[in-house]
């Protein structure tokens, strides 16, 4: 017989991002995933936390790039509902033509 004492789901990173008061807030990447799933045009999103606490986000869409200000404001608004207030301009977005992962979540390319 097989006995399982504990079962863990997929482990995801926890980012420490800076809020508008320069305080670090812990945010699970899962929250970012849920936020960006609300934008139907987005196909894939990849996050990089910078040493200064800011975020760089690469994204791909089904058609064309989205308005950067819209993305910055959308993220800031959704984080504010979680009691995390960030400067929308502190997040950098970069459109990429093809996703870095397959639909199954496997790496297609290595990013440096």
Protein backbone atom coordinates (compact mmCIF):
# COMPACT_ATOMS: atom_id res chain seq x y z
CA UNK A 1 0.00 0.00 0.00
CA UNK A 2 1.06 3.55 -0.69
CA UNK A 3 0.68 6.05 2.13
CA UNK A 4 1.07 9.79 1.52
CA UNK A 5 1.57 12.00 4.56
CA UNK A 6 1.76 15.25 2.68
CA UNK A 7 1.10 16.40 -0.86
CA UNK A 8 2.47 19.67 -2.16
CA UNK A 9 1.30 21.42 -5.28
CA UNK A 10 3.49 23.12 -7.82
CA UNK A 11 5.94 25.42 -6.04
CA UNK A 12 5.93 29.01 -7.29
CA UNK A 13 8.22 31.91 -6.48
CA UNK A 14 7.41 34.56 -3.93
CA UNK A 15 8.60 38.01 -5.00
CA UNK A 16 9.42 40.85 -2.61
CA UNK A 17 8.26 43.94 -4.47
CA UNK A 18 8.47 47.54 -3.29
CA UNK A 19 5.30 49.47 -2.59
CA UNK A 20 4.92 53.25 -2.87
CA UNK A 21 6.27 53.63 0.68
CA UNK A 22 9.48 51.75 -0.22
CA UNK A 23 8.38 48.80 1.93
CA UNK A 24 8.85 45.29 0.61
CA UNK A 25 5.70 43.19 0.16
CA UNK A 26 5.75 39.45 -0.44
CA UNK A 27 3.67 38.49 -3.47
CA UNK A 28 3.26 35.00 -4.89
CA UNK A 29 3.75 34.70 -8.63
CA UNK A 30 0.42 32.86 -8.59
CA UNK A 31 -1.28 36.20 -7.85
CA UNK A 32 0.33 37.73 -10.95
CA UNK A 33 -0.85 34.73 -12.98
CA UNK A 34 -4.43 35.24 -11.77
CA UNK A 35 -4.28 38.95 -12.50
CA UNK A 36 -3.08 38.54 -16.08
CA UNK A 37 -5.51 35.70 -16.82
CA UNK A 38 -8.18 38.39 -16.65
CA UNK A 39 -6.86 39.94 -19.87
CA UNK A 40 -8.08 37.62 -22.65
CA UNK A 41 -5.57 38.91 -25.23
CA UNK A 42 -2.58 37.73 -23.17
CA UNK A 43 -1.20 34.35 -24.14
CA UNK A 44 1.90 34.11 -21.95
CA UNK A 45 3.55 36.13 -19.15
CA UNK A 46 7.04 35.86 -17.66
CA UNK A 47 8.23 37.77 -14.59
CA UNK A 48 11.64 38.94 -13.48
CA UNK A 49 12.21 40.62 -10.14
CA UNK A 50 14.98 43.20 -10.21
CA UNK A 51 17.34 43.82 -7.27
CA UNK A 52 15.68 47.20 -6.61
CA UNK A 53 12.29 45.51 -6.03
CA UNK A 54 10.82 46.47 -9.41
CA UNK A 55 9.30 44.06 -11.90
CA UNK A 56 10.12 43.37 -15.53
CA UNK A 57 7.34 41.51 -17.28
CA UNK A 58 7.60 39.93 -20.72
CA UNK A 59 4.31 39.03 -22.33
CA UNK A 60 2.95 37.68 -25.58
CA UNK A 61 -0.53 38.05 -27.03
CA UNK A 62 -2.62 36.34 -29.65
CA UNK A 63 -2.38 39.37 -31.93
CA UNK A 64 -0.61 42.64 -31.19
CA UNK A 65 1.07 44.41 -28.26
CA UNK A 66 -1.16 45.96 -25.62
CA UNK A 67 -0.95 49.51 -24.34
CA UNK A 68 1.80 49.66 -21.68
CA UNK A 69 -0.04 52.23 -19.55
CA UNK A 70 -3.12 49.99 -19.55
CA UNK A 71 -1.02 47.03 -18.34
CA UNK A 72 0.73 49.10 -15.65
CA UNK A 73 -2.54 50.57 -14.35
CA UNK A 74 -4.32 47.20 -14.52
CA UNK A 75 -1.63 45.49 -12.43
CA UNK A 76 -1.48 48.34 -9.91
CA UNK A 77 -5.27 48.35 -9.55
CA UNK A 78 -5.48 44.60 -8.97
CA UNK A 79 -2.60 44.66 -6.45
CA UNK A 80 -4.28 47.54 -4.62
CA UNK A 81 -7.29 45.27 -4.05
CA UNK A 82 -4.83 42.98 -2.21
CA UNK A 83 -3.65 45.97 -0.08
CA UNK A 84 -0.43 46.38 -2.07
CA UNK A 85 -0.05 49.86 -3.52
CA UNK A 86 2.65 50.20 -6.16
CA UNK A 87 3.68 52.97 -8.51
CA UNK A 88 2.33 51.75 -11.88
CA UNK A 89 5.42 53.17 -13.61
CA UNK A 90 7.71 50.93 -11.52
CA UNK A 91 6.68 47.90 -13.60
CA UNK A 92 8.25 47.52 -17.03
CA UNK A 93 6.46 45.54 -19.73
CA UNK A 94 8.06 44.13 -22.87
CA UNK A 95 6.09 42.54 -25.68
CA UNK A 96 7.58 39.33 -27.10
CA UNK A 97 6.27 37.80 -30.33
CA UNK A 98 6.37 34.19 -29.19
CA UNK A 99 5.97 32.73 -25.70
CA UNK A 100 8.99 31.41 -23.82
CA UNK A 101 7.03 28.31 -22.80
CA UNK A 102 4.75 25.78 -24.44
CA UNK A 103 1.10 25.54 -23.45
CA UNK A 104 2.11 22.73 -21.07
CA UNK A 105 4.55 25.11 -19.33
CA UNK A 106 7.80 23.64 -20.68
CA UNK A 107 10.62 26.01 -21.55
CA UNK A 108 10.96 26.76 -25.26
CA UNK A 109 13.90 29.16 -24.92
CA UNK A 110 16.46 29.95 -22.28
CA UNK A 111 16.45 33.61 -21.26
CA UNK A 112 19.65 35.23 -20.03
